[in-house]
């Protein structure tokens, strides 16, 4: 991904910001045992929603579509 997006792109700022957040409450509910459906990493989901919000994308369906069509999502 680093080859596809420029160094100063907003996505790098969001990823860096989320890496500094305390997400321990999210990880309390995170299923690491492999029971049930596979869970997405909370850090990745927070970064995705924050990045979408910064780009004025509020619809979960639109976020899903962008995840399949857009490199930065």
PDB file of N, CA and C in Angstrom:
ATOM      1  N   UNK A   1       0.823  -1.191   0.000  1.00  0.00           N
ATOM      2  CA  UNK A   1       0.000   0.000   0.000  1.00  0.00           C
ATOM      3  C   UNK A   1       0.868   1.256   0.000  1.00  0.00           C
ATOM      4  N   UNK A   2       2.015   1.170   0.622  1.00  0.00           N
ATOM      5  CA  UNK A   2       2.891   2.344   0.676  1.00  0.00           C
ATOM      6  C   UNK A   2       3.359   2.772  -0.717  1.00  0.00           C
ATOM      7  N   UNK A   3       3.381   1.832  -1.654  1.00  0.00           N
ATOM      8  CA  UNK A   3       3.782   2.163  -3.024  1.00  0.00           C
ATOM      9  C   UNK A   3       2.673   2.887  -3.779  1.00  0.00           C
ATOM     10  N   UNK A   4       1.438   2.730  -3.346  1.00  0.00           N
ATOM     11  CA  UNK A   4       0.302   3.267  -4.084  1.00  0.00           C
ATOM     12  C   UNK A   4      -0.161   4.640  -3.601  1.00  0.00           C
ATOM     13  N   UNK A   5       0.129   4.982  -2.358  1.00  0.00           N
ATOM     14  CA  UNK A   5      -0.338   6.254  -1.803  1.00  0.00           C
ATOM     15  C   UNK A   5       0.847   7.149  -1.442  1.00  0.00           C
ATOM     16  N   UNK A   6       0.735   8.445  -1.701  1.00  0.00           N
ATOM     17  CA  UNK A   6       1.843   9.350  -1.383  1.00  0.00           C
ATOM     18  C   UNK A   6       2.099   9.445   0.118  1.00  0.00           C
ATOM     19  N   UNK A   7       3.278   9.874   0.451  1.00  0.00           N
ATOM     20  CA  UNK A   7       3.721   9.942   1.851  1.00  0.00           C
ATOM     21  C   UNK A   7       2.813  10.801   2.732  1.00  0.00           C
ATOM     22  N   UNK A   8       2.316  11.911   2.245  1.00  0.00           N
ATOM     23  CA  UNK A   8       1.521  12.808   3.073  1.00  0.00           C
ATOM     24  C   UNK A   8       0.020  12.579   3.000  1.00  0.00           C
ATOM     25  N   UNK A   9      -0.401  11.441   2.494  1.00  0.00           N
ATOM     26  CA  UNK A   9      -1.836  11.159   2.346  1.00  0.00           C
ATOM     27  C   UNK A   9      -2.509  11.075   3.717  1.00  0.00           C
ATOM     28  N   UNK A  10      -3.761  11.490   3.763  1.00  0.00           N
ATOM     29  CA  UNK A  10      -4.543  11.489   5.016  1.00  0.00           C
ATOM     30  C   UNK A  10      -4.600  10.108   5.669  1.00  0.00           C
ATOM     31  N   UNK A  11      -4.614   9.060   4.872  1.00  0.00           N
ATOM     32  CA  UNK A  11      -4.722   7.714   5.437  1.00  0.00           C
ATOM     33  C   UNK A  11      -3.560   7.405   6.378  1.00  0.00           C
ATOM     34  N   UNK A  12      -2.370   7.888   6.071  1.00  0.00           N
ATOM     35  CA  UNK A  12      -1.207   7.640   6.946  1.00  0.00           C
ATOM     36  C   UNK A  12      -1.368   8.377   8.275  1.00  0.00           C
ATOM     37  N   UNK A  13      -1.928   9.581   8.230  1.00  0.00           N
ATOM     38  CA  UNK A  13      -2.183  10.329   9.462  1.00  0.00           C
ATOM     39  C   UNK A  13      -3.195   9.590  10.334  1.00  0.00           C
ATOM     40  N   UNK A  14      -4.261   9.096   9.723  1.00  0.00           N
ATOM     41  CA  UNK A  14      -5.308   8.392  10.474  1.00  0.00           C
ATOM     42  C   UNK A  14      -4.748   7.113  11.093  1.00  0.00           C
ATOM     43  N   UNK A  15      -3.974   6.354  10.329  1.00  0.00           N
ATOM     44  CA  UNK A  15      -3.386   5.120  10.859  1.00  0.00           C
ATOM     45  C   UNK A  15      -2.455   5.434  12.029  1.00  0.00           C
ATOM     46  N   UNK A  16      -1.664   6.468  11.902  1.00  0.00           N
ATOM     47  CA  UNK A  16      -0.760   6.871  12.981  1.00  0.00           C
ATOM     48  C   UNK A  16      -1.544   7.331  14.212  1.00  0.00           C
ATOM     49  N   UNK A  17      -2.599   8.090  13.980  1.00  0.00           N
ATOM     50  CA  UNK A  17      -3.437   8.569  15.072  1.00  0.00           C
ATOM     51  C   UNK A  17      -4.077   7.410  15.835  1.00  0.00           C
ATOM     52  N   UNK A  18      -4.632   6.461  15.113  1.00  0.00           N
ATOM     53  CA  UNK A  18      -5.300   5.315  15.747  1.00  0.00           C
ATOM     54  C   UNK A  18      -4.292   4.451  16.503  1.00  0.00           C
ATOM     55  N   UNK A  19      -3.070   4.347  15.995  1.00  0.00           N
ATOM     56  CA  UNK A  19      -2.056   3.537  16.692  1.00  0.00           C
ATOM     57  C   UNK A  19      -1.696   4.128  18.051  1.00  0.00           C
ATOM     58  N   UNK A  20      -1.994   5.418  18.261  1.00  0.00           N
ATOM     59  CA  UNK A  20      -1.702   6.065  19.539  1.00  0.00           C
ATOM     60  C   UNK A  20      -2.904   6.078  20.487  1.00  0.00           C
ATOM     61  N   UNK A  21      -4.053   5.609  20.009  1.00  0.00           N
ATOM     62  CA  UNK A  21      -5.266   5.611  20.836  1.00  0.00           C
ATOM     63  C   UNK A  21      -5.296   4.416  21.772  1.00  0.00           C
ATOM     64  N   UNK A  22      -5.957   4.597  22.901  1.00  0.00           N
ATOM     65  CA  UNK A  22      -6.185   3.494  23.828  1.00  0.00           C
ATOM     66  C   UNK A  22      -7.471   2.784  23.399  1.00  0.00           C
ATOM     67  N   UNK A  23      -7.335   1.636  22.793  1.00  0.00           N
ATOM     68  CA  UNK A  23      -8.485   0.875  22.308  1.00  0.00           C
ATOM     69  C   UNK A  23      -8.761  -0.353  23.180  1.00  0.00           C
ATOM     70  N   UNK A  24      -8.307  -0.313  24.407  1.00  0.00           N
ATOM     71  CA  UNK A  24      -8.439  -1.476  25.290  1.00  0.00           C
ATOM     72  C   UNK A  24      -9.895  -1.894  25.500  1.00  0.00           C
ATOM     73  N   UNK A  25     -10.829  -0.939  25.521  1.00  0.00           N
ATOM     74  CA  UNK A  25     -12.241  -1.303  25.678  1.00  0.00           C
ATOM     75  C   UNK A  25     -12.758  -2.099  24.479  1.00  0.00           C
ATOM     76  N   UNK A  26     -12.275  -1.767  23.287  1.00  0.00           N
ATOM     77  CA  UNK A  26     -12.660  -2.527  22.099  1.00  0.00           C
ATOM     78  C   UNK A  26     -12.090  -3.939  22.164  1.00  0.00           C
ATOM     79  N   UNK A  27     -10.857  -4.061  22.620  1.00  0.00           N
ATOM     80  CA  UNK A  27     -10.211  -5.369  22.659  1.00  0.00           C
ATOM     81  C   UNK A  27     -10.780  -6.272  23.747  1.00  0.00           C
ATOM     82  N   UNK A  28     -11.469  -5.713  24.738  1.00  0.00           N
ATOM     83  CA  UNK A  28     -12.113  -6.547  25.755  1.00  0.00           C
ATOM     84  C   UNK A  28     -13.173  -7.442  25.141  1.00  0.00           C
ATOM     85  N   UNK A  29     -13.839  -6.931  24.114  1.00  0.00           N
ATOM     86  CA  UNK A  29     -14.901  -7.680  23.441  1.00  0.00           C
ATOM     87  C   UNK A  29     -14.407  -8.418  22.200  1.00  0.00           C
ATOM     88  N   UNK A  30     -13.147  -8.270  21.865  1.00  0.00           N
ATOM     89  CA  UNK A  30     -12.579  -8.867  20.657  1.00  0.00           C
ATOM     90  C   UNK A  30     -12.390 -10.364  20.860  1.00  0.00           C
ATOM     91  N   UNK A  31     -12.896 -11.161  19.949  1.00  0.00           N
ATOM     92  CA  UNK A  31     -12.829 -12.617  20.046  1.00  0.00           C
ATOM     93  C   UNK A  31     -11.559 -13.119  19.366  1.00  0.00           C
ATOM     94  N   UNK A  32     -10.560 -13.466  20.146  1.00  0.00           N
ATOM     95  CA  UNK A  32      -9.309 -13.976  19.597  1.00  0.00           C
ATOM     96  C   UNK A  32      -9.247 -15.498  19.605  1.00  0.00           C
ATOM     97  N   UNK A  33     -10.242 -16.150  20.186  1.00  0.00           N
ATOM     98  CA  UNK A  33     -10.216 -17.608  20.306  1.00  0.00           C
ATOM     99  C   UNK A  33     -10.639 -18.317  19.029  1.00  0.00           C
ATOM    100  N   UNK A  34     -11.173 -17.582  18.076  1.00  0.00           N
ATOM    101  CA  UNK A  34     -11.573 -18.201  16.831  1.00  0.00           C
ATOM    102  C   UNK A  34     -12.966 -18.806  16.859  1.00  0.00           C
ATOM    103  N   UNK A  35     -13.707 -18.534  17.910  1.00  0.00           N
ATOM    104  CA  UNK A  35     -15.072 -19.041  17.994  1.00  0.00           C
ATOM    105  C   UNK A  35     -15.989 -18.165  17.154  1.00  0.00           C
ATOM    106  N   UNK A  36     -16.938 -18.762  16.500  1.00  0.00           N
ATOM    107  CA  UNK A  36     -17.878 -17.984  15.704  1.00  0.00           C
ATOM    108  C   UNK A  36     -17.218 -17.415  14.459  1.00  0.00           C
ATOM    109  N   UNK A  37     -17.746 -16.298  13.995  1.00  0.00           N
ATOM    110  CA  UNK A  37     -17.221 -15.669  12.787  1.00  0.00           C
ATOM    111  C   UNK A  37     -15.905 -14.950  13.084  1.00  0.00           C
ATOM    112  N   UNK A  38     -15.064 -14.891  12.086  1.00  0.00           N
ATOM    113  CA  UNK A  38     -13.796 -14.183  12.232  1.00  0.00           C
ATOM    114  C   UNK A  38     -14.063 -12.690  12.437  1.00  0.00           C
ATOM    115  N   UNK A  39     -13.388 -12.114  13.414  1.00  0.00           N
ATOM    116  CA  UNK A  39     -13.581 -10.694  13.727  1.00  0.00           C
ATOM    117  C   UNK A  39     -12.504  -9.857  13.052  1.00  0.00           C
ATOM    118  N   UNK A  40     -12.866  -8.637  12.700  1.00  0.00           N
ATOM    119  CA  UNK A  40     -11.884  -7.692  12.173  1.00  0.00           C
ATOM    120  C   UNK A  40     -11.160  -7.048  13.350  1.00  0.00           C
ATOM    121  N   UNK A  41      -9.907  -6.720  13.148  1.00  0.00           N
ATOM    122  CA  UNK A  41      -9.114  -6.078  14.184  1.00  0.00           C
ATOM    123  C   UNK A  41      -9.727  -4.716  14.513  1.00  0.00           C
ATOM    124  N   UNK A  42     -10.008  -4.441  15.799  1.00  0.00           N
ATOM    125  CA  UNK A  42     -10.601  -3.166  16.184  1.00  0.00           C
ATOM    126  C   UNK A  42      -9.788  -1.954  15.723  1.00  0.00           C
ATOM    127  N   UNK A  43      -8.474  -2.066  15.730  1.00  0.00           N
ATOM    128  CA  UNK A  43      -7.635  -0.942  15.290  1.00  0.00           C
ATOM    129  C   UNK A  43      -7.922  -0.612  13.824  1.00  0.00           C
ATOM    130  N   UNK A  44      -8.070  -1.631  13.003  1.00  0.00           N
ATOM    131  CA  UNK A  44      -8.354  -1.430  11.595  1.00  0.00           C
ATOM    132  C   UNK A  44      -9.746  -0.833  11.396  1.00  0.00           C
ATOM    133  N   UNK A  45     -10.716  -1.294  12.158  1.00  0.00           N
ATOM    134  CA  UNK A  45     -12.084  -0.796  12.015  1.00  0.00           C
ATOM    135  C   UNK A  45     -12.193   0.663  12.465  1.00  0.00           C
ATOM    136  N   UNK A  46     -11.533   1.027  13.562  1.00  0.00           N
ATOM    137  CA  UNK A  46     -11.552   2.418  14.032  1.00  0.00           C
ATOM    138  C   UNK A  46     -10.905   3.317  12.982  1.00  0.00           C
ATOM    139  N   UNK A  47      -9.790   2.875  12.419  1.00  0.00           N
ATOM    140  CA  UNK A  47      -9.120   3.667  11.381  1.00  0.00           C
ATOM    141  C   UNK A  47     -10.019   3.814  10.160  1.00  0.00           C
ATOM    142  N   UNK A  48     -10.694   2.758   9.769  1.00  0.00           N
ATOM    143  CA  UNK A  48     -11.584   2.807   8.612  1.00  0.00           C
ATOM    144  C   UNK A  48     -12.725   3.789   8.826  1.00  0.00           C
ATOM    145  N   UNK A  49     -13.401   3.690   9.965  1.00  0.00           N
ATOM    146  CA  UNK A  49     -14.522   4.592  10.240  1.00  0.00           C
ATOM    147  C   UNK A  49     -14.059   6.046  10.392  1.00  0.00           C
ATOM    148  N   UNK A  50     -12.934   6.253  11.019  1.00  0.00           N
ATOM    149  CA  UNK A  50     -12.411   7.604  11.170  1.00  0.00           C
ATOM    150  C   UNK A  50     -12.021   8.194   9.808  1.00  0.00           C
ATOM    151  N   UNK A  51     -11.374   7.394   8.986  1.00  0.00           N
ATOM    152  CA  UNK A  51     -11.000   7.860   7.652  1.00  0.00           C
ATOM    153  C   UNK A  51     -12.246   8.163   6.816  1.00  0.00           C
ATOM    154  N   UNK A  52     -13.243   7.295   6.890  1.00  0.00           N
ATOM    155  CA  UNK A  52     -14.493   7.531   6.150  1.00  0.00           C
ATOM    156  C   UNK A  52     -15.156   8.823   6.628  1.00  0.00           C
ATOM    157  N   UNK A  53     -15.211   9.025   7.927  1.00  0.00           N
ATOM    158  CA  UNK A  53     -15.816  10.236   8.486  1.00  0.00           C
ATOM    159  C   UNK A  53     -15.073  11.486   7.999  1.00  0.00           C
ATOM    160  N   UNK A  54     -13.755  11.432   7.957  1.00  0.00           N
ATOM    161  CA  UNK A  54     -12.955  12.563   7.469  1.00  0.00           C
ATOM    162  C   UNK A  54     -13.248  12.865   6.003  1.00  0.00           C
ATOM    163  N   UNK A  55     -13.700  11.863   5.264  1.00  0.00           N
ATOM    164  CA  UNK A  55     -14.017  12.026   3.854  1.00  0.00           C
ATOM    165  C   UNK A  55     -15.516  12.173   3.610  1.00  0.00           C
ATOM    166  N   UNK A  56     -16.257  12.492   4.673  1.00  0.00           N
ATOM    167  CA  UNK A  56     -17.694  12.738   4.607  1.00  0.00           C
ATOM    168  C   UNK A  56     -18.486  11.541   4.074  1.00  0.00           C
ATOM    169  N   UNK A  57     -17.996  10.347   4.374  1.00  0.00           N
ATOM    170  CA  UNK A  57     -18.710   9.126   4.022  1.00  0.00           C
ATOM    171  C   UNK A  57     -19.324   8.587   5.305  1.00  0.00           C
ATOM    172  N   UNK A  58     -20.641   8.563   5.375  1.00  0.00           N
ATOM    173  CA  UNK A  58     -21.322   8.137   6.604  1.00  0.00           C
ATOM    174  C   UNK A  58     -22.025   6.790   6.459  1.00  0.00           C
ATOM    175  N   UNK A  59     -22.350   6.411   5.245  1.00  0.00           N
ATOM    176  CA  UNK A  59     -23.112   5.197   4.988  1.00  0.00           C
ATOM    177  C   UNK A  59     -22.224   3.958   5.082  1.00  0.00           C
ATOM    178  N   UNK A  60     -22.652   2.978   5.859  1.00  0.00           N
ATOM    179  CA  UNK A  60     -21.879   1.739   5.966  1.00  0.00           C
ATOM    180  C   UNK A  60     -21.837   1.005   4.623  1.00  0.00           C
ATOM    181  N   UNK A  61     -22.898   1.113   3.845  1.00  0.00           N
ATOM    182  CA  UNK A  61     -22.899   0.487   2.517  1.00  0.00           C
ATOM    183  C   UNK A  61     -21.904   1.177   1.592  1.00  0.00           C
ATOM    184  N   UNK A  62     -21.809   2.479   1.704  1.00  0.00           N
ATOM    185  CA  UNK A  62     -20.848   3.230   0.893  1.00  0.00           C
ATOM    186  C   UNK A  62     -19.418   2.896   1.322  1.00  0.00           C
ATOM    187  N   UNK A  63     -19.191   2.770   2.620  1.00  0.00           N
ATOM    188  CA  UNK A  63     -17.865   2.389   3.117  1.00  0.00           C
ATOM    189  C   UNK A  63     -17.499   1.003   2.583  1.00  0.00           C
ATOM    190  N   UNK A  64     -18.439   0.083   2.631  1.00  0.00           N
ATOM    191  CA  UNK A  64     -18.195  -1.266   2.112  1.00  0.00           C
ATOM    192  C   UNK A  64     -17.836  -1.218   0.627  1.00  0.00           C
ATOM    193  N   UNK A  65     -18.578  -0.447  -0.142  1.00  0.00           N
ATOM    194  CA  UNK A  65     -18.313  -0.325  -1.578  1.00  0.00           C
ATOM    195  C   UNK A  65     -16.924   0.248  -1.818  1.00  0.00           C
ATOM    196  N   UNK A  66     -16.581   1.298  -1.081  1.00  0.00           N
ATOM    197  CA  UNK A  66     -15.274   1.924  -1.242  1.00  0.00           C
ATOM    198  C   UNK A  66     -14.125   0.987  -0.857  1.00  0.00           C
ATOM    199  N   UNK A  67     -14.375   0.101   0.094  1.00  0.00           N
ATOM    200  CA  UNK A  67     -13.334  -0.863   0.501  1.00  0.00           C
ATOM    201  C   UNK A  67     -12.977  -1.824  -0.631  1.00  0.00           C
ATOM    202  N   UNK A  68     -13.907  -2.041  -1.545  1.00  0.00           N
ATOM    203  CA  UNK A  68     -13.613  -2.930  -2.665  1.00  0.00           C
ATOM    204  C   UNK A  68     -13.132  -2.184  -3.898  1.00  0.00           C
ATOM    205  N   UNK A  69     -13.363  -0.869  -3.956  1.00  0.00           N
ATOM    206  CA  UNK A  69     -13.050  -0.114  -5.165  1.00  0.00           C
ATOM    207  C   UNK A  69     -11.946   0.917  -5.010  1.00  0.00           C
ATOM    208  N   UNK A  70     -11.574   1.273  -3.799  1.00  0.00           N
ATOM    209  CA  UNK A  70     -10.646   2.367  -3.587  1.00  0.00           C
ATOM    210  C   UNK A  70      -9.460   1.929  -2.728  1.00  0.00           C
ATOM    211  N   UNK A  71      -8.268   2.171  -3.217  1.00  0.00           N
ATOM    212  CA  UNK A  71      -7.048   1.732  -2.507  1.00  0.00           C
ATOM    213  C   UNK A  71      -6.948   2.351  -1.124  1.00  0.00           C
ATOM    214  N   UNK A  72      -7.235   3.621  -0.989  1.00  0.00           N
ATOM    215  CA  UNK A  72      -7.034   4.254   0.319  1.00  0.00           C
ATOM    216  C   UNK A  72      -8.065   3.813   1.339  1.00  0.00           C
ATOM    217  N   UNK A  73      -9.174   3.244   0.940  1.00  0.00           N
ATOM    218  CA  UNK A  73     -10.102   2.670   1.908  1.00  0.00           C
ATOM    219  C   UNK A  73      -9.693   1.240   2.215  1.00  0.00           C
TER     220      UNK A  73
END
